[in-house]
Amino acid sequence: MIGITRIRSSQASAYALVNPSEFRWVCGKDYLTTYASQQGFGLQFCRQCGSTLCGIYENEVHGVTLGCLNEDPKIEIGRHIFVGSKARWEVIPEGVTQYQEHAPENA
């Protein structure tokens, strides 16, 4: 996987945005299954274990869930979204931009 542009984090998962033109699957593409809405947004899952692997828009990968990576991507959290509904026990790292809900466009 290449081309990580930004990282977002919520209480449920860390998600790295990627540039679709720079992203490619190195292996395992045959194990993907896809759910996509009529608006073109969706997710791809491992059909063997059910793990959510990435987000797609119009059949292009635009972000990957970092919990699925085998190696450290060597990036830092850029923003923390949906902090208004975070679990009481969750600790948000200092210095990370926070949004009560979704981040505004181009943030």
Protein backbone atom coordinates (compact mmCIF):
# COMPACT_ATOMS: atom_id res chain seq x y z
CA MET A 1 0.00 0.00 0.00
CA ILE A 2 1.34 3.42 -0.93
CA GLY A 3 0.20 7.02 -1.05
CA ILE A 4 -1.16 7.68 2.47
CA THR A 5 -2.03 11.38 2.55
CA ARG A 6 -3.69 11.96 5.95
CA ILE A 7 -4.79 10.00 8.98
CA ARG A 8 -8.04 10.35 10.89
CA SER A 9 -8.92 8.69 14.15
CA SER A 10 -12.19 8.06 15.96
CA GLN A 11 -12.90 5.94 19.01
CA ALA A 12 -13.59 2.97 16.77
CA SER A 13 -10.75 3.02 14.29
CA ALA A 14 -7.84 4.85 12.76
CA TYR A 15 -8.29 5.53 9.07
CA ALA A 16 -5.69 6.86 6.63
CA LEU A 17 -6.75 8.78 3.56
CA VAL A 18 -4.92 7.79 0.40
CA ASN A 19 -4.59 9.24 -3.06
CA PRO A 20 -6.53 6.78 -5.24
CA SER A 21 -4.11 7.19 -8.14
CA GLU A 22 -1.19 6.16 -5.89
CA PHE A 23 -2.88 3.24 -4.11
CA ARG A 24 -2.57 -0.37 -5.19
CA TRP A 25 -3.13 -3.73 -3.53
CA VAL A 26 0.13 -5.63 -3.20
CA CYS A 27 -1.62 -8.96 -2.60
CA GLY A 28 -4.95 -10.40 -1.49
CA LYS A 29 -7.16 -8.51 -3.94
CA ASP A 30 -8.98 -11.78 -4.70
CA TYR A 31 -10.20 -11.87 -1.07
CA LEU A 32 -12.04 -8.53 -1.28
CA THR A 33 -15.78 -8.20 -1.19
CA THR A 34 -17.44 -4.83 -1.68
CA TYR A 35 -20.48 -3.00 -0.35
CA ALA A 36 -21.28 0.24 -2.17
CA SER A 37 -24.26 2.58 -1.88
CA GLN A 38 -26.12 4.06 -4.83
CA GLN A 39 -24.21 7.30 -4.19
CA GLY A 40 -20.92 5.49 -4.88
CA PHE A 41 -19.56 5.36 -1.30
CA GLY A 42 -18.72 2.01 0.21
CA LEU A 43 -16.38 -0.34 2.03
CA GLN A 44 -14.29 -3.33 1.08
CA PHE A 45 -13.98 -6.30 3.42
CA CYS A 46 -11.91 -9.46 3.61
CA ARG A 47 -14.37 -12.15 2.53
CA GLN A 48 -12.47 -14.71 4.61
CA CYS A 49 -12.36 -12.99 8.03
CA GLY A 50 -14.79 -10.06 7.60
CA SER A 51 -12.30 -7.30 8.49
CA THR A 52 -13.04 -3.87 7.03
CA LEU A 53 -10.00 -3.02 4.92
CA CYS A 54 -10.77 0.22 3.13
CA GLY A 55 -13.27 2.85 2.10
CA ILE A 56 -14.13 3.34 -1.54
CA TYR A 57 -15.80 5.97 -3.66
CA GLU A 58 -16.88 5.14 -7.21
CA ASN A 59 -14.87 1.89 -7.04
CA GLU A 60 -11.59 3.60 -6.07
CA VAL A 61 -9.90 3.16 -2.69
CA HIS A 62 -9.76 6.50 -0.86
CA GLY A 63 -8.73 5.32 2.61
CA VAL A 64 -7.56 2.30 4.55
CA THR A 65 -8.24 1.13 8.10
CA LEU A 66 -4.91 1.10 9.91
CA GLY A 67 -5.83 -1.78 12.21
CA CYS A 68 -5.32 -4.10 9.25
CA LEU A 69 -1.73 -3.11 8.53
CA ASN A 70 1.08 -5.53 9.31
CA GLU A 71 3.70 -2.81 9.69
CA ASP A 72 3.91 0.64 11.27
CA PRO A 73 2.88 3.16 8.58
CA LYS A 74 5.13 5.77 10.25
CA ILE A 75 2.48 8.50 10.25
CA GLU A 76 0.84 10.48 13.06
CA ILE A 77 -2.82 11.19 13.78
CA GLY A 78 -3.86 14.34 11.92
CA ARG A 79 -7.34 14.75 13.41
CA HIS A 80 -9.75 13.06 15.77
CA ILE A 81 -13.38 13.03 14.59
CA PHE A 82 -16.68 12.43 16.42
CA VAL A 83 -15.23 13.33 19.82
CA GLY A 84 -18.69 14.52 20.87
CA SER A 85 -19.79 10.91 21.12
CA LYS A 86 -16.56 9.27 22.27
CA ALA A 87 -16.50 6.77 25.11
CA ARG A 88 -15.84 8.35 28.53
CA TRP A 89 -12.76 6.18 29.00
CA GLU A 90 -11.15 7.17 25.70
CA VAL A 91 -8.10 9.43 26.00
CA ILE A 92 -7.50 11.74 23.06
CA PRO A 93 -3.82 12.50 22.37
CA GLU A 94 -2.75 16.06 23.14
CA GLY A 95 -2.18 18.37 20.21
CA VAL A 96 -4.44 16.50 17.76
CA THR A 97 -7.14 18.57 16.04
CA GLN A 98 -10.58 17.50 17.28
CA TYR A 99 -14.05 17.71 15.74
CA GLN A 100 -17.29 17.09 17.62
CA GLU A 101 -18.66 15.35 14.55
CA HIS A 102 -17.36 14.96 11.01
CA ALA A 103 -14.47 17.19 9.89
CA PRO A 104 -15.40 20.06 7.58
CA GLU A 105 -14.60 19.76 3.86
CA ASN A 106 -10.89 20.19 3.07
CA ALA A 107 -9.88 20.01 6.74
